[in-house]
Amino acid sequence: GSVTPHQAIAAVLTAARLGVENGYELAPAETGDCIEEASTDVIAPRSLGEALDALEADSVFLEAFGAEYVDGFLTVKRAEWERYRTWTTDWEISEYLPFL
């Protein structure tokens, strides 16, 4: 949910092209339910912040996708992540405000 469909398709196609050009091996297929059990030890980032860090660290993908474009994307999404991370939810207000 962090990208537009156009960005997602472009990213998948870029990753696929890099995989073919560089001869990357596919990870084994996941056969577990991905919640209780997993058949591989490959773990996806657990938050948008971790995903942005992983994207920024992938120099091969950045070069292929366009470093300037990715930099702009990272700037917008890091600001979005920070707003989300520091937002006080309705639940928090109703749960804790009466005690202040």
PDB file of N, CA and C in Angstrom:
ATOM      1  N   GLY A   1       0.787  -1.189   0.000  1.00  0.00           N
ATOM      2  CA  GLY A   1       0.000   0.000   0.000  1.00  0.00           C
ATOM      3  C   GLY A   1       0.838   1.267   0.000  1.00  0.00           C
ATOM      4  N   SER A   2       2.160   1.157  -0.095  1.00  0.00           N
ATOM      5  CA  SER A   2       3.012   2.341  -0.008  1.00  0.00           C
ATOM      6  C   SER A   2       3.363   2.929  -1.361  1.00  0.00           C
ATOM      7  N   VAL A   3       2.936   2.300  -2.434  1.00  0.00           N
ATOM      8  CA  VAL A   3       3.279   2.782  -3.769  1.00  0.00           C
ATOM      9  C   VAL A   3       2.041   2.773  -4.656  1.00  0.00           C
ATOM     10  N   THR A   4       2.120   3.516  -5.744  1.00  0.00           N
ATOM     11  CA  THR A   4       1.049   3.464  -6.740  1.00  0.00           C
ATOM     12  C   THR A   4       1.218   2.172  -7.547  1.00  0.00           C
ATOM     13  N   PRO A   5       0.170   1.737  -8.220  1.00  0.00           N
ATOM     14  CA  PRO A   5       0.320   0.538  -9.068  1.00  0.00           C
ATOM     15  C   PRO A   5       1.421   0.701 -10.111  1.00  0.00           C
ATOM     16  N   HIS A   6       1.574   1.919 -10.644  1.00  0.00           N
ATOM     17  CA  HIS A   6       2.610   2.153 -11.661  1.00  0.00           C
ATOM     18  C   HIS A   6       4.001   1.966 -11.073  1.00  0.00           C
ATOM     19  N   GLN A   7       4.210   2.478  -9.865  1.00  0.00           N
ATOM     20  CA  GLN A   7       5.513   2.308  -9.209  1.00  0.00           C
ATOM     21  C   GLN A   7       5.773   0.836  -8.907  1.00  0.00           C
ATOM     22  N   ALA A   8       4.751   0.133  -8.433  1.00  0.00           N
ATOM     23  CA  ALA A   8       4.918  -1.280  -8.088  1.00  0.00           C
ATOM     24  C   ALA A   8       5.280  -2.106  -9.325  1.00  0.00           C
ATOM     25  N   ILE A   9       4.576  -1.867 -10.419  1.00  0.00           N
ATOM     26  CA  ILE A   9       4.858  -2.618 -11.649  1.00  0.00           C
ATOM     27  C   ILE A   9       6.263  -2.304 -12.150  1.00  0.00           C
ATOM     28  N   ALA A  10       6.639  -1.037 -12.129  1.00  0.00           N
ATOM     29  CA  ALA A  10       7.989  -0.649 -12.583  1.00  0.00           C
ATOM     30  C   ALA A  10       9.055  -1.286 -11.695  1.00  0.00           C
ATOM     31  N   ALA A  11       8.821  -1.330 -10.393  1.00  0.00           N
ATOM     32  CA  ALA A  11       9.799  -1.931  -9.478  1.00  0.00           C
ATOM     33  C   ALA A  11       9.924  -3.433  -9.711  1.00  0.00           C
ATOM     34  N   VAL A  12       8.801  -4.114  -9.898  1.00  0.00           N
ATOM     35  CA  VAL A  12       8.852  -5.566 -10.139  1.00  0.00           C
ATOM     36  C   VAL A  12       9.552  -5.863 -11.456  1.00  0.00           C
ATOM     37  N   LEU A  13       9.241  -5.098 -12.490  1.00  0.00           N
ATOM     38  CA  LEU A  13       9.903  -5.319 -13.781  1.00  0.00           C
ATOM     39  C   LEU A  13      11.398  -5.025 -13.703  1.00  0.00           C
ATOM     40  N   THR A  14      11.771  -3.992 -12.958  1.00  0.00           N
ATOM     41  CA  THR A  14      13.197  -3.680 -12.781  1.00  0.00           C
ATOM     42  C   THR A  14      13.892  -4.812 -12.033  1.00  0.00           C
ATOM     43  N   ALA A  15      13.275  -5.291 -10.964  1.00  0.00           N
ATOM     44  CA  ALA A  15      13.869  -6.393 -10.199  1.00  0.00           C
ATOM     45  C   ALA A  15      13.986  -7.653 -11.058  1.00  0.00           C
ATOM     46  N   ALA A  16      12.961  -7.935 -11.864  1.00  0.00           N
ATOM     47  CA  ALA A  16      13.004  -9.111 -12.736  1.00  0.00           C
ATOM     48  C   ALA A  16      14.133  -8.984 -13.759  1.00  0.00           C
ATOM     49  N   ARG A  17      14.262  -7.800 -14.351  1.00  0.00           N
ATOM     50  CA  ARG A  17      15.343  -7.568 -15.334  1.00  0.00           C
ATOM     51  C   ARG A  17      16.699  -7.760 -14.687  1.00  0.00           C
ATOM     52  N   LEU A  18      16.874  -7.197 -13.485  1.00  0.00           N
ATOM     53  CA  LEU A  18      18.151  -7.352 -12.789  1.00  0.00           C
ATOM     54  C   LEU A  18      18.423  -8.822 -12.471  1.00  0.00           C
ATOM     55  N   GLY A  19      17.377  -9.540 -12.090  1.00  0.00           N
ATOM     56  CA  GLY A  19      17.549 -10.959 -11.792  1.00  0.00           C
ATOM     57  C   GLY A  19      18.020 -11.754 -12.993  1.00  0.00           C
ATOM     58  N   VAL A  20      17.430 -11.482 -14.142  1.00  0.00           N
ATOM     59  CA  VAL A  20      17.818 -12.188 -15.370  1.00  0.00           C
ATOM     60  C   VAL A  20      19.225 -11.770 -15.797  1.00  0.00           C
ATOM     61  N   GLU A  21      19.488 -10.465 -15.837  1.00  0.00           N
ATOM     62  CA  GLU A  21      20.789  -9.975 -16.287  1.00  0.00           C
ATOM     63  C   GLU A  21      21.935 -10.422 -15.387  1.00  0.00           C
ATOM     64  N   ASN A  22      21.679 -10.475 -14.088  1.00  0.00           N
ATOM     65  CA  ASN A  22      22.742 -10.812 -13.139  1.00  0.00           C
ATOM     66  C   ASN A  22      22.732 -12.274 -12.706  1.00  0.00           C
ATOM     67  N   GLY A  23      21.802 -13.052 -13.227  1.00  0.00           N
ATOM     68  CA  GLY A  23      21.756 -14.475 -12.924  1.00  0.00           C
ATOM     69  C   GLY A  23      21.427 -14.789 -11.464  1.00  0.00           C
ATOM     70  N   TYR A  24      20.602 -13.957 -10.833  1.00  0.00           N
ATOM     71  CA  TYR A  24      20.231 -14.205  -9.437  1.00  0.00           C
ATOM     72  C   TYR A  24      19.423 -15.493  -9.329  1.00  0.00           C
ATOM     73  N   GLU A  25      19.688 -16.250  -8.289  1.00  0.00           N
ATOM     74  CA  GLU A  25      18.918 -17.461  -8.016  1.00  0.00           C
ATOM     75  C   GLU A  25      17.634 -17.086  -7.296  1.00  0.00           C
ATOM     76  N   LEU A  26      16.557 -17.745  -7.661  1.00  0.00           N
ATOM     77  CA  LEU A  26      15.297 -17.534  -6.955  1.00  0.00           C
ATOM     78  C   LEU A  26      15.369 -18.161  -5.576  1.00  0.00           C
ATOM     79  N   ALA A  27      14.750 -17.504  -4.614  1.00  0.00           N
ATOM     80  CA  ALA A  27      14.628 -18.104  -3.280  1.00  0.00           C
ATOM     81  C   ALA A  27      13.686 -19.299  -3.398  1.00  0.00           C
ATOM     82  N   PRO A  28      13.831 -20.285  -2.512  1.00  0.00           N
ATOM     83  CA  PRO A  28      12.898 -21.416  -2.572  1.00  0.00           C
ATOM     84  C   PRO A  28      11.465 -20.938  -2.338  1.00  0.00           C
ATOM     85  N   ALA A  29      10.522 -21.643  -2.919  1.00  0.00           N
ATOM     86  CA  ALA A  29       9.113 -21.294  -2.766  1.00  0.00           C
ATOM     87  C   ALA A  29       8.697 -21.445  -1.306  1.00  0.00           C
ATOM     88  N   GLU A  30       7.898 -20.517  -0.831  1.00  0.00           N
ATOM     89  CA  GLU A  30       7.387 -20.580   0.536  1.00  0.00           C
ATOM     90  C   GLU A  30       6.245 -21.581   0.583  1.00  0.00           C
ATOM     91  N   THR A  31       6.332 -22.539   1.474  1.00  0.00           N
ATOM     92  CA  THR A  31       5.279 -23.548   1.592  1.00  0.00           C
ATOM     93  C   THR A  31       4.563 -23.470   2.937  1.00  0.00           C
ATOM     94  N   GLY A  32       5.059 -22.633   3.844  1.00  0.00           N
ATOM     95  CA  GLY A  32       4.381 -22.463   5.130  1.00  0.00           C
ATOM     96  C   GLY A  32       3.274 -21.436   5.019  1.00  0.00           C
ATOM     97  N   ASP A  33       2.651 -21.120   6.149  1.00  0.00           N
ATOM     98  CA  ASP A  33       1.569 -20.144   6.131  1.00  0.00           C
ATOM     99  C   ASP A  33       2.078 -18.714   6.298  1.00  0.00           C
ATOM    100  N   CYS A  34       3.376 -18.550   6.479  1.00  0.00           N
ATOM    101  CA  CYS A  34       4.057 -17.255   6.587  1.00  0.00           C
ATOM    102  C   CYS A  34       3.734 -16.506   7.874  1.00  0.00           C
ATOM    103  N   ILE A  35       2.942 -17.087   8.746  1.00  0.00           N
ATOM    104  CA  ILE A  35       2.631 -16.463  10.029  1.00  0.00           C
ATOM    105  C   ILE A  35       3.128 -17.359  11.155  1.00  0.00           C
ATOM    106  N   GLU A  36       2.596 -18.548  11.210  1.00  0.00           N
ATOM    107  CA  GLU A  36       2.986 -19.505  12.246  1.00  0.00           C
ATOM    108  C   GLU A  36       4.268 -20.243  11.883  1.00  0.00           C
ATOM    109  N   GLU A  37       4.425 -20.510  10.602  1.00  0.00           N
ATOM    110  CA  GLU A  37       5.605 -21.253  10.155  1.00  0.00           C
ATOM    111  C   GLU A  37       6.035 -20.767   8.780  1.00  0.00           C
ATOM    112  N   ALA A  38       7.320 -20.866   8.552  1.00  0.00           N
ATOM    113  CA  ALA A  38       7.873 -20.483   7.255  1.00  0.00           C
ATOM    114  C   ALA A  38       8.876 -21.544   6.840  1.00  0.00           C
ATOM    115  N   SER A  39       8.916 -21.811   5.552  1.00  0.00           N
ATOM    116  CA  SER A  39       9.842 -22.831   5.060  1.00  0.00           C
ATOM    117  C   SER A  39      11.174 -22.220   4.641  1.00  0.00           C
ATOM    118  N   THR A  40      11.279 -20.902   4.625  1.00  0.00           N
ATOM    119  CA  THR A  40      12.539 -20.252   4.291  1.00  0.00           C
ATOM    120  C   THR A  40      12.916 -19.304   5.423  1.00  0.00           C
ATOM    121  N   ASP A  41      14.149 -18.887   5.433  1.00  0.00           N
ATOM    122  CA  ASP A  41      14.579 -17.933   6.458  1.00  0.00           C
ATOM    123  C   ASP A  41      14.649 -16.509   5.910  1.00  0.00           C
ATOM    124  N   VAL A  42      14.071 -16.285   4.725  1.00  0.00           N
ATOM    125  CA  VAL A  42      14.004 -14.952   4.141  1.00  0.00           C
ATOM    126  C   VAL A  42      12.872 -14.200   4.824  1.00  0.00           C
ATOM    127  N   ILE A  43      13.201 -13.065   5.431  1.00  0.00           N
ATOM    128  CA  ILE A  43      12.199 -12.295   6.160  1.00  0.00           C
ATOM    129  C   ILE A  43      12.059 -10.926   5.520  1.00  0.00           C
ATOM    130  N   ALA A  44      10.840 -10.570   5.194  1.00  0.00           N
ATOM    131  CA  ALA A  44      10.571  -9.249   4.626  1.00  0.00           C
ATOM    132  C   ALA A  44      10.661  -8.199   5.727  1.00  0.00           C
ATOM    133  N   PRO A  45      10.934  -6.968   5.358  1.00  0.00           N
ATOM    134  CA  PRO A  45      10.945  -5.902   6.367  1.00  0.00           C
ATOM    135  C   PRO A  45       9.622  -5.869   7.126  1.00  0.00           C
ATOM    136  N   ARG A  46       9.689  -5.563   8.412  1.00  0.00           N
ATOM    137  CA  ARG A  46       8.504  -5.604   9.266  1.00  0.00           C
ATOM    138  C   ARG A  46       7.791  -4.267   9.379  1.00  0.00           C
ATOM    139  N   SER A  47       8.345  -3.232   8.769  1.00  0.00           N
ATOM    140  CA  SER A  47       7.709  -1.919   8.818  1.00  0.00           C
ATOM    141  C   SER A  47       8.103  -1.144   7.567  1.00  0.00           C
ATOM    142  N   LEU A  48       7.375  -0.064   7.336  1.00  0.00           N
ATOM    143  CA  LEU A  48       7.731   0.799   6.222  1.00  0.00           C
ATOM    144  C   LEU A  48       9.130   1.366   6.418  1.00  0.00           C
ATOM    145  N   GLY A  49       9.484   1.719   7.649  1.00  0.00           N
ATOM    146  CA  GLY A  49      10.827   2.241   7.920  1.00  0.00           C
ATOM    147  C   GLY A  49      11.912   1.250   7.541  1.00  0.00           C
ATOM    148  N   GLU A  50      11.728  -0.024   7.921  1.00  0.00           N
ATOM    149  CA  GLU A  50      12.705  -1.063   7.566  1.00  0.00           C
ATOM    150  C   GLU A  50      12.749  -1.275   6.057  1.00  0.00           C
ATOM    151  N   ALA A  51      11.603  -1.211   5.399  1.00  0.00           N
ATOM    152  CA  ALA A  51      11.560  -1.392   3.940  1.00  0.00           C
ATOM    153  C   ALA A  51      12.294  -0.252   3.237  1.00  0.00           C
ATOM    154  N   LEU A  52      12.130   0.966   3.740  1.00  0.00           N
ATOM    155  CA  LEU A  52      12.831   2.102   3.137  1.00  0.00           C
ATOM    156  C   LEU A  52      14.335   1.991   3.338  1.00  0.00           C
ATOM    157  N   ASP A  53      14.751   1.515   4.510  1.00  0.00           N
ATOM    158  CA  ASP A  53      16.183   1.291   4.749  1.00  0.00           C
ATOM    159  C   ASP A  53      16.744   0.256   3.786  1.00  0.00           C
ATOM    160  N   ALA A  54      15.980  -0.823   3.560  1.00  0.00           N
ATOM    161  CA  ALA A  54      16.427  -1.879   2.640  1.00  0.00           C
ATOM    162  C   ALA A  54      16.516  -1.345   1.211  1.00  0.00           C
ATOM    163  N   LEU A  55      15.533  -0.552   0.817  1.00  0.00           N
ATOM    164  CA  LEU A  55      15.569   0.045  -0.525  1.00  0.00           C
ATOM    165  C   LEU A  55      16.787   0.938  -0.680  1.00  0.00           C
ATOM    166  N   GLU A  56      17.033   1.781   0.308  1.00  0.00           N
ATOM    167  CA  GLU A  56      18.169   2.702   0.238  1.00  0.00           C
ATOM    168  C   GLU A  56      19.506   1.965   0.191  1.00  0.00           C
ATOM    169  N   ALA A  57      19.580   0.794   0.806  1.00  0.00           N
ATOM    170  CA  ALA A  57      20.824   0.030   0.851  1.00  0.00           C
ATOM    171  C   ALA A  57      21.072  -0.774  -0.429  1.00  0.00           C
ATOM    172  N   ASP A  58      20.070  -0.914  -1.288  1.00  0.00           N
ATOM    173  CA  ASP A  58      20.193  -1.724  -2.502  1.00  0.00           C
ATOM    174  C   ASP A  58      20.724  -0.870  -3.653  1.00  0.00           C
ATOM    175  N   SER A  59      22.031  -0.714  -3.716  1.00  0.00           N
ATOM    176  CA  SER A  59      22.646   0.173  -4.707  1.00  0.00           C
ATOM    177  C   SER A  59      22.408  -0.299  -6.143  1.00  0.00           C
ATOM    178  N   VAL A  60      22.328  -1.597  -6.361  1.00  0.00           N
ATOM    179  CA  VAL A  60      22.102  -2.114  -7.717  1.00  0.00           C
ATOM    180  C   VAL A  60      20.707  -1.704  -8.197  1.00  0.00           C
ATOM    181  N   PHE A  61      19.716  -1.881  -7.332  1.00  0.00           N
ATOM    182  CA  PHE A  61      18.346  -1.503  -7.707  1.00  0.00           C
ATOM    183  C   PHE A  61      18.233   0.006  -7.890  1.00  0.00           C
ATOM    184  N   LEU A  62      18.859   0.779  -6.985  1.00  0.00           N
ATOM    185  CA  LEU A  62      18.802   2.236  -7.084  1.00  0.00           C
ATOM    186  C   LEU A  62      19.348   2.716  -8.427  1.00  0.00           C
ATOM    187  N   GLU A  63      20.471   2.170  -8.826  1.00  0.00           N
ATOM    188  CA  GLU A  63      21.076   2.567 -10.094  1.00  0.00           C
ATOM    189  C   GLU A  63      20.172   2.198 -11.269  1.00  0.00           C
ATOM    190  N   ALA A  64      19.580   1.011 -11.225  1.00  0.00           N
ATOM    191  CA  ALA A  64      18.738   0.546 -12.319  1.00  0.00           C
ATOM    192  C   ALA A  64      17.414   1.311 -12.392  1.00  0.00           C
ATOM    193  N   PHE A  65      16.839   1.650 -11.250  1.00  0.00           N
ATOM    194  CA  PHE A  65      15.527   2.298 -11.212  1.00  0.00           C
ATOM    195  C   PHE A  65      15.639   3.807 -11.396  1.00  0.00           C
ATOM    196  N   GLY A  66      16.774   4.339 -10.987  1.00  0.00           N
ATOM    197  CA  GLY A  66      16.988   5.784 -11.077  1.00  0.00           C
ATOM    198  C   GLY A  66      17.170   6.366  -9.691  1.00  0.00           C
ATOM    199  N   ALA A  67      18.409   6.695  -9.356  1.00  0.00           N
ATOM    200  CA  ALA A  67      18.724   7.161  -8.005  1.00  0.00           C
ATOM    201  C   ALA A  67      17.949   8.428  -7.642  1.00  0.00           C
ATOM    202  N   GLU A  68      17.774   9.331  -8.596  1.00  0.00           N
ATOM    203  CA  GLU A  68      17.053  10.569  -8.308  1.00  0.00           C
ATOM    204  C   GLU A  68      15.594  10.285  -7.980  1.00  0.00           C
ATOM    205  N   TYR A  69      14.980   9.393  -8.746  1.00  0.00           N
ATOM    206  CA  TYR A  69      13.583   9.042  -8.496  1.00  0.00           C
ATOM    207  C   TYR A  69      13.445   8.378  -7.125  1.00  0.00           C
ATOM    208  N   VAL A  70      14.319   7.423  -6.831  1.00  0.00           N
ATOM    209  CA  VAL A  70      14.250   6.716  -5.555  1.00  0.00           C
ATOM    210  C   VAL A  70      14.503   7.677  -4.393  1.00  0.00           C
ATOM    211  N   ASP A  71      15.405   8.624  -4.568  1.00  0.00           N
ATOM    212  CA  ASP A  71      15.664   9.607  -3.518  1.00  0.00           C
ATOM    213  C   ASP A  71      14.406  10.412  -3.207  1.00  0.00           C
ATOM    214  N   GLY A  72      13.698  10.842  -4.240  1.00  0.00           N
ATOM    215  CA  GLY A  72      12.442  11.567  -4.035  1.00  0.00           C
ATOM    216  C   GLY A  72      11.406  10.706  -3.345  1.00  0.00           C
ATOM    217  N   PHE A  73      11.296   9.449  -3.782  1.00  0.00           N
ATOM    218  CA  PHE A  73      10.362   8.503  -3.170  1.00  0.00           C
ATOM    219  C   PHE A  73      10.694   8.304  -1.696  1.00  0.00           C
ATOM    220  N   LEU A  74      11.984   8.101  -1.392  1.00  0.00           N
ATOM    221  CA  LEU A  74      12.403   7.898  -0.003  1.00  0.00           C
ATOM    222  C   LEU A  74      12.090   9.118   0.856  1.00  0.00           C
ATOM    223  N   THR A  75      12.294  10.298   0.321  1.00  0.00           N
ATOM    224  CA  THR A  75      12.018  11.522   1.070  1.00  0.00           C
ATOM    225  C   THR A  75      10.537  11.595   1.454  1.00  0.00           C
ATOM    226  N   VAL A  76       9.667  11.348   0.484  1.00  0.00           N
ATOM    227  CA  VAL A  76       8.224  11.406   0.741  1.00  0.00           C
ATOM    228  C   VAL A  76       7.808  10.313   1.720  1.00  0.00           C
ATOM    229  N   LYS A  77       8.278   9.100   1.503  1.00  0.00           N
ATOM    230  CA  LYS A  77       7.839   7.973   2.338  1.00  0.00           C
ATOM    231  C   LYS A  77       8.431   8.028   3.740  1.00  0.00           C
ATOM    232  N   ARG A  78       9.640   8.562   3.907  1.00  0.00           N
ATOM    233  CA  ARG A  78      10.196   8.722   5.270  1.00  0.00           C
ATOM    234  C   ARG A  78       9.378   9.748   6.059  1.00  0.00           C
ATOM    235  N   ALA A  79       8.937  10.811   5.393  1.00  0.00           N
ATOM    236  CA  ALA A  79       8.076  11.791   6.063  1.00  0.00           C
ATOM    237  C   ALA A  79       6.736  11.151   6.431  1.00  0.00           C
ATOM    238  N   GLU A  80       6.193  10.340   5.525  1.00  0.00           N
ATOM    239  CA  GLU A  80       4.949   9.623   5.802  1.00  0.00           C
ATOM    240  C   GLU A  80       5.124   8.668   6.982  1.00  0.00           C
ATOM    241  N   TRP A  81       6.217   7.920   7.008  1.00  0.00           N
ATOM    242  CA  TRP A  81       6.486   6.972   8.090  1.00  0.00           C
ATOM    243  C   TRP A  81       6.611   7.702   9.424  1.00  0.00           C
ATOM    244  N   GLU A  82       7.276   8.842   9.412  1.00  0.00           N
ATOM    245  CA  GLU A  82       7.447   9.606  10.650  1.00  0.00           C
ATOM    246  C   GLU A  82       6.099  10.115  11.168  1.00  0.00           C
ATOM    247  N   ARG A  83       5.247  10.589  10.270  1.00  0.00           N
ATOM    248  CA  ARG A  83       3.914  11.026  10.696  1.00  0.00           C
ATOM    249  C   ARG A  83       3.127   9.859  11.274  1.00  0.00           C
ATOM    250  N   TYR A  84       3.184   8.709  10.629  1.00  0.00           N
ATOM    251  CA  TYR A  84       2.479   7.524  11.127  1.00  0.00           C
ATOM    252  C   TYR A  84       3.026   7.106  12.494  1.00  0.00           C
ATOM    253  N   ARG A  85       4.340   7.067  12.594  1.00  0.00           N
ATOM    254  CA  ARG A  85       4.995   6.588  13.811  1.00  0.00           C
ATOM    255  C   ARG A  85       4.685   7.465  15.020  1.00  0.00           C
ATOM    256  N   THR A  86       4.483   8.759  14.806  1.00  0.00           N
ATOM    257  CA  THR A  86       4.276   9.683  15.918  1.00  0.00           C
ATOM    258  C   THR A  86       2.804  10.065  16.114  1.00  0.00           C
ATOM    259  N   TRP A  87       1.902   9.501  15.324  1.00  0.00           N
ATOM    260  CA  TRP A  87       0.477   9.833  15.406  1.00  0.00           C
ATOM    261  C   TRP A  87      -0.132   9.247  16.670  1.00  0.00           C
ATOM    262  N   THR A  88      -0.934  10.041  17.330  1.00  0.00           N
ATOM    263  CA  THR A  88      -1.684   9.562  18.492  1.00  0.00           C
ATOM    264  C   THR A  88      -3.043   9.097  17.990  1.00  0.00           C
ATOM    265  N   THR A  89      -3.345   7.831  18.212  1.00  0.00           N
ATOM    266  CA  THR A  89      -4.586   7.256  17.693  1.00  0.00           C
ATOM    267  C   THR A  89      -5.774   7.592  18.592  1.00  0.00           C
ATOM    268  N   ASP A  90      -6.970   7.423  18.049  1.00  0.00           N
ATOM    269  CA  ASP A  90      -8.186   7.625  18.834  1.00  0.00           C
ATOM    270  C   ASP A  90      -8.207   6.693  20.038  1.00  0.00           C
ATOM    271  N   TRP A  91      -7.743   5.463  19.835  1.00  0.00           N
ATOM    272  CA  TRP A  91      -7.711   4.503  20.937  1.00  0.00           C
ATOM    273  C   TRP A  91      -6.809   4.999  22.060  1.00  0.00           C
ATOM    274  N   GLU A  92      -5.631   5.492  21.716  1.00  0.00           N
ATOM    275  CA  GLU A  92      -4.711   6.002  22.734  1.00  0.00           C
ATOM    276  C   GLU A  92      -5.320   7.185  23.496  1.00  0.00           C
ATOM    277  N   ILE A  93      -5.999   8.054  22.777  1.00  0.00           N
ATOM    278  CA  ILE A  93      -6.625   9.206  23.424  1.00  0.00           C
ATOM    279  C   ILE A  93      -7.709   8.751  24.395  1.00  0.00           C
ATOM    280  N   SER A  94      -8.589   7.857  23.955  1.00  0.00           N
ATOM    281  CA  SER A  94      -9.683   7.411  24.836  1.00  0.00           C
ATOM    282  C   SER A  94      -9.165   6.536  25.972  1.00  0.00           C
ATOM    283  N   GLU A  95      -8.074   5.841  25.751  1.00  0.00           N
ATOM    284  CA  GLU A  95      -7.533   4.950  26.774  1.00  0.00           C
ATOM    285  C   GLU A  95      -6.755   5.709  27.853  1.00  0.00           C
ATOM    286  N   TYR A  96      -5.976   6.694  27.450  1.00  0.00           N
ATOM    287  CA  TYR A  96      -5.050   7.321  28.396  1.00  0.00           C
ATOM    288  C   TYR A  96      -5.410   8.745  28.812  1.00  0.00           C
ATOM    289  N   LEU A  97      -6.178   9.484  27.991  1.00  0.00           N
ATOM    290  CA  LEU A  97      -6.504  10.862  28.322  1.00  0.00           C
ATOM    291  C   LEU A  97      -7.220  11.019  29.666  1.00  0.00           C
ATOM    292  N   PRO A  98      -8.129  10.122  30.009  1.00  0.00           N
ATOM    293  CA  PRO A  98      -8.808  10.283  31.308  1.00  0.00           C
ATOM    294  C   PRO A  98      -7.863  10.264  32.504  1.00  0.00           C
ATOM    295  N   PHE A  99      -6.684   9.721  32.342  1.00  0.00           N
ATOM    296  CA  PHE A  99      -5.753   9.616  33.470  1.00  0.00           C
ATOM    297  C   PHE A  99      -4.781  10.792  33.538  1.00  0.00           C
ATOM    298  N   LEU A 100      -4.870  11.701  32.587  1.00  0.00           N
ATOM    299  CA  LEU A 100      -3.947  12.845  32.598  1.00  0.00           C
ATOM    300  C   LEU A 100      -4.523  14.010  33.352  1.00  0.00           C
TER     301      LEU A 100
END
